[in-house]
Structures are given as structure tokens and as C-alpha cells.
Amino acid sequence: EAGLEMWPSLSHRGVPVIADSMISTDVECSLTSIPASVFQEACQRTIIDQLWFVEQQPEEIRIALCNDQEFMRLVLPRAGDALEIAGSVVKDDRDLVLCAVRSSGGALRFASNRLCDDKEVVMHAVQGAAVALQFASERLRDDDDVVLSALKSGGQALAFASARFQDDREVVASALSTAPRALRFASSRLRDH
């Protein structure tokens, strides 16, 4: 994991390595600022090695790789939290963010505000990680489908649901069935009874 200090959330989460699976080199370099040989070498590496390789590049190439949609399309399905290092264009690309949250629901925290308000993106995120609900827009933290889906993934999502859900006896009971400590997130009215 040497070289991942720049991305602590990746190194402490144990970014998945797919050692047998190498990426094809027939991907075209989409940014002229990245030499084709550097881009192809980056694409041939395993995921941890890819991230380490990116960090070792000169700043201008590192930034270009992190902003390159084709490169990130290779990385995000296997390491959704790599969205953290992506540029704003990637963080606002719906397809790439969907890849990221399908791999790691918590990657929603790095998505653009626009995509944190996209119901399909948030649904995928909370199905993978209940607590990803905290990164959803206020509107979606009050959406029946989103909140109930998050609660199916884990009762601790109640902490991030709107006050309406925290005051709903059935919703709180559902949350408590999987996370008894979620009672502290229920409304005071329900906690007192």
C-alpha cells in the first residue's frame, strides 16, 4: 500500500486487487496531455498498482489521469472510492458515478451535488452502504423509496433520514430490527415511549 498516503480512504479501506485481471491496452488516450505510453502503462496495472502509478506521475499527468473519463472508467468499477481523486468532470459524470457507487456505496460522498440528488444514483449507493444516505440530498433523505431501501441495508441509516422518518413508529421499528442502537436517532416522542 505504499504510495497511497495521498488517498487515505483508499488505503484504509483495502482497495480490492484483481491480480489476475489486467486491463487491455487498446484503450485510446483521451487527453493529449497524457503521453499514450503512460496512459497504456497505467491501464495495464492492477487497481492498487494503478493508483500508486498515478501518484508517481508528474502533477500535470496525475491531474490529467484523474480527470480522464476512460481511465476512471477502468478504475471505478473495482474501486469506487477512487472517485475521491477524480476531477470534477468525472464526479459529475452519471455513468462513472454509478460505476463508483455500485462498487462502493460510500463513494457517493465524492459525487457532485447534482448526482447526490439523482434518485437512481443514490438508490444504488444506499443499497451498497446504508450510511451513504448521509451524502444524499435533503430531498432524497425524505424520499420513501430511498430511505426504506437504505434501512433495508442497515438500520443505522435512520440517523440520516429526515425527521419525518425518525418520527415514524414503523420505520423506527424496522431500523431497530437490524440496528438496536438506532433508537438514539428516533424522534424524542418515540424514544420516550
Protein backbone atom coordinates (compact mmCIF):
# COMPACT_ATOMS: atom_id res chain seq x y z
CA GLU A 1 0.00 0.00 0.00
CA ALA A 2 2.99 2.26 -0.23
CA GLY A 3 2.24 5.36 -2.18
CA LEU A 4 -1.42 5.60 -1.20
CA GLU A 5 -0.89 8.19 1.56
CA MET A 6 -2.44 10.74 -0.76
CA TRP A 7 -5.74 8.82 -0.65
CA PRO A 8 -6.18 7.63 2.94
CA SER A 9 -9.75 6.49 2.40
CA LEU A 10 -8.48 4.10 -0.27
CA SER A 11 -5.60 2.67 1.74
CA HIS A 12 -7.56 2.08 4.94
CA ARG A 13 -10.49 0.53 3.08
CA GLY A 14 -8.29 -2.15 1.48
CA VAL A 15 -8.91 -1.26 -2.14
CA PRO A 16 -9.68 -4.51 -3.98
CA VAL A 17 -6.93 -6.01 -6.08
CA ILE A 18 -7.76 -8.13 -9.07
CA ALA A 19 -4.35 -9.64 -9.63
CA ASP A 20 -5.24 -11.96 -12.49
CA SER A 21 -7.16 -9.38 -14.41
CA MET A 22 -5.12 -6.98 -16.46
CA ILE A 23 -6.71 -4.17 -18.39
CA SER A 24 -6.49 -4.19 -22.17
CA THR A 25 -4.07 -1.74 -23.76
CA ASP A 26 -6.29 -0.96 -26.73
CA VAL A 27 -7.89 1.98 -24.91
CA GLU A 28 -7.17 5.26 -26.64
CA CYS A 29 -5.72 8.13 -24.66
CA SER A 30 -8.47 10.72 -24.46
CA LEU A 31 -6.37 13.65 -23.25
CA THR A 32 -3.48 14.95 -25.26
CA SER A 33 -1.62 15.94 -22.08
CA ILE A 34 -1.12 12.27 -21.19
CA PRO A 35 1.52 10.51 -23.25
CA ALA A 36 -0.05 7.41 -24.81
CA SER A 37 2.69 5.19 -23.33
CA VAL A 38 1.94 6.48 -19.79
CA PHE A 39 -1.80 6.01 -20.27
CA GLN A 40 -1.35 2.47 -21.59
CA GLU A 41 1.01 1.55 -18.75
CA ALA A 42 -1.47 2.91 -16.20
CA CYS A 43 -4.26 0.84 -17.75
CA GLN A 44 -2.25 -2.40 -17.63
CA ARG A 45 -1.77 -2.36 -13.88
CA THR A 46 -3.89 -3.87 -11.09
CA ILE A 47 -6.03 -1.39 -9.20
CA ILE A 48 -3.70 -0.65 -6.26
CA ASP A 49 -0.77 -0.56 -8.61
CA GLN A 50 -2.74 1.81 -10.90
CA LEU A 51 -3.35 4.24 -8.07
CA TRP A 52 0.28 4.07 -6.93
CA PHE A 53 1.43 4.57 -10.52
CA VAL A 54 -0.83 7.61 -10.89
CA GLU A 55 0.61 9.15 -7.73
CA GLN A 56 4.16 8.74 -9.04
CA GLN A 57 3.49 10.76 -12.20
CA PRO A 58 4.34 14.44 -12.54
CA GLU A 59 1.49 16.62 -11.27
CA GLU A 60 0.21 17.59 -14.72
CA ILE A 61 -0.05 13.93 -15.81
CA ARG A 62 -1.52 12.87 -12.43
CA ILE A 63 -4.23 15.50 -12.76
CA ALA A 64 -4.89 14.52 -16.37
CA LEU A 65 -5.28 10.83 -15.46
CA CYS A 66 -7.64 11.64 -12.58
CA ASN A 67 -9.72 13.74 -14.98
CA ASP A 68 -9.62 11.20 -17.79
CA GLN A 69 -13.02 9.57 -18.11
CA GLU A 70 -11.70 6.50 -19.93
CA PHE A 71 -9.04 5.82 -17.30
CA MET A 72 -11.52 6.33 -14.45
CA ARG A 73 -13.97 4.03 -16.27
CA LEU A 74 -11.39 1.28 -15.77
CA VAL A 75 -10.73 2.09 -12.11
CA LEU A 76 -14.13 2.93 -10.61
CA PRO A 77 -15.95 -0.39 -11.13
CA ARG A 78 -13.29 -2.08 -8.97
CA ALA A 79 -12.54 0.76 -6.56
CA GLY A 80 -15.45 3.13 -6.23
CA ASP A 81 -13.71 5.18 -3.55
CA ALA A 82 -11.19 6.23 -6.20
CA LEU A 83 -13.86 8.78 -7.11
CA GLU A 84 -12.19 10.82 -4.37
CA ILE A 85 -9.19 11.52 -6.60
CA ALA A 86 -11.23 12.17 -9.72
CA GLY A 87 -11.70 15.58 -11.23
CA SER A 88 -14.98 17.47 -11.17
CA VAL A 89 -15.94 16.33 -14.67
CA VAL A 90 -15.71 12.68 -13.59
CA LYS A 91 -17.54 13.38 -10.31
CA ASP A 92 -20.41 14.83 -12.35
CA ASP A 93 -20.47 12.03 -14.96
CA ARG A 94 -23.58 9.99 -14.14
CA ASP A 95 -22.33 6.73 -15.66
CA LEU A 96 -18.97 6.93 -13.89
CA VAL A 97 -20.54 7.79 -10.55
CA LEU A 98 -22.96 4.87 -10.97
CA CYS A 99 -19.92 2.60 -11.51
CA ALA A 100 -18.35 4.01 -8.37
CA VAL A 101 -21.39 3.67 -6.09
CA ARG A 102 -22.12 0.16 -7.36
CA SER A 103 -18.60 -0.77 -6.27
CA SER A 104 -18.70 1.21 -3.02
CA GLY A 105 -21.87 2.93 -1.84
CA GLY A 106 -19.85 5.33 0.28
CA ALA A 107 -18.31 6.77 -2.89
CA LEU A 108 -21.45 8.90 -3.08
CA ARG A 109 -19.68 11.37 -0.77
CA PHE A 110 -17.35 12.31 -3.64
CA ALA A 111 -20.08 12.74 -6.28
CA SER A 112 -21.26 16.13 -7.46
CA ASN A 113 -24.21 17.76 -5.71
CA ARG A 114 -26.27 17.18 -8.83
CA LEU A 115 -25.70 13.43 -8.63
CA CYS A 116 -26.29 13.32 -4.88
CA ASP A 117 -29.78 14.45 -5.85
CA ASP A 118 -30.18 11.76 -8.56
CA LYS A 119 -32.54 9.11 -7.22
CA GLU A 120 -31.09 6.19 -9.19
CA VAL A 121 -27.51 7.03 -8.19
CA VAL A 122 -28.48 7.38 -4.52
CA MET A 123 -30.55 4.16 -4.60
CA HIS A 124 -27.50 2.20 -5.79
CA ALA A 125 -25.35 3.85 -3.14
CA VAL A 126 -27.67 3.10 -0.20
CA GLN A 127 -28.23 -0.46 -1.36
CA GLY A 128 -24.49 -0.99 -1.00
CA ALA A 129 -23.97 1.10 2.13
CA ALA A 130 -26.87 2.27 4.26
CA VAL A 131 -24.90 5.17 5.69
CA ALA A 132 -24.41 6.58 2.18
CA LEU A 133 -27.80 8.17 2.85
CA GLN A 134 -25.93 10.94 4.67
CA PHE A 135 -24.48 12.12 1.35
CA ALA A 136 -27.84 12.20 -0.43
CA SER A 137 -29.59 15.50 -0.98
CA GLU A 138 -32.06 16.68 1.61
CA ARG A 139 -34.87 15.94 -0.85
CA LEU A 140 -33.81 12.29 -1.19
CA ARG A 141 -33.29 11.85 2.56
CA ASP A 142 -37.05 12.44 2.72
CA ASP A 143 -37.91 10.12 -0.19
CA ASP A 144 -39.82 6.96 0.76
CA ASP A 145 -38.08 4.65 -1.74
CA VAL A 146 -34.58 5.88 -0.92
CA VAL A 147 -34.95 5.85 2.86
CA LEU A 148 -36.68 2.46 3.00
CA SER A 149 -34.01 1.00 0.73
CA ALA A 150 -31.28 2.41 2.96
CA LEU A 151 -32.99 0.99 6.04
CA LYS A 152 -33.09 -2.45 4.41
CA SER A 153 -29.32 -2.21 4.06
CA GLY A 154 -28.90 -1.15 7.68
CA GLY A 155 -30.92 0.44 10.43
CA GLN A 156 -28.16 2.95 11.15
CA ALA A 157 -29.39 4.85 8.08
CA LEU A 158 -32.11 6.23 10.35
CA ALA A 159 -29.51 8.73 11.58
CA PHE A 160 -29.54 10.40 8.15
CA ALA A 161 -33.22 10.11 7.28
CA SER A 162 -35.46 13.14 7.52
CA ALA A 163 -37.30 13.97 10.74
CA ARG A 164 -40.48 12.55 9.18
CA PHE A 165 -38.94 9.06 9.11
CA GLN A 166 -37.32 9.44 12.51
CA ASP A 167 -40.80 10.08 13.91
CA ASP A 168 -42.50 7.17 12.11
CA ARG A 169 -43.12 4.26 14.51
CA GLU A 170 -42.98 1.56 11.78
CA VAL A 171 -39.83 2.96 10.20
CA VAL A 172 -38.08 3.19 13.56
CA ALA A 173 -39.18 -0.36 14.46
CA SER A 174 -37.74 -1.57 11.15
CA ALA A 175 -34.46 0.23 11.83
CA LEU A 176 -34.28 -1.23 15.33
CA SER A 177 -34.70 -4.77 13.99
CA THR A 178 -31.30 -4.57 12.32
CA ALA A 179 -29.60 -1.90 14.45
CA PRO A 180 -30.90 -1.71 18.04
CA ARG A 181 -28.66 1.28 18.75
CA ALA A 182 -30.54 3.25 16.08
CA LEU A 183 -33.08 4.17 18.77
CA ARG A 184 -30.97 7.23 19.53
CA PHE A 185 -31.86 8.56 16.06
CA ALA A 186 -35.61 8.25 16.59
CA SER A 187 -37.60 11.34 17.49
CA SER A 188 -37.77 12.21 21.18
CA ARG A 189 -41.50 11.41 21.05
CA LEU A 190 -40.75 7.80 20.04
CA ARG A 191 -37.70 7.43 22.31
CA ASP A 192 -39.83 8.41 25.31
CA HIS A 193 -42.39 5.69 24.58
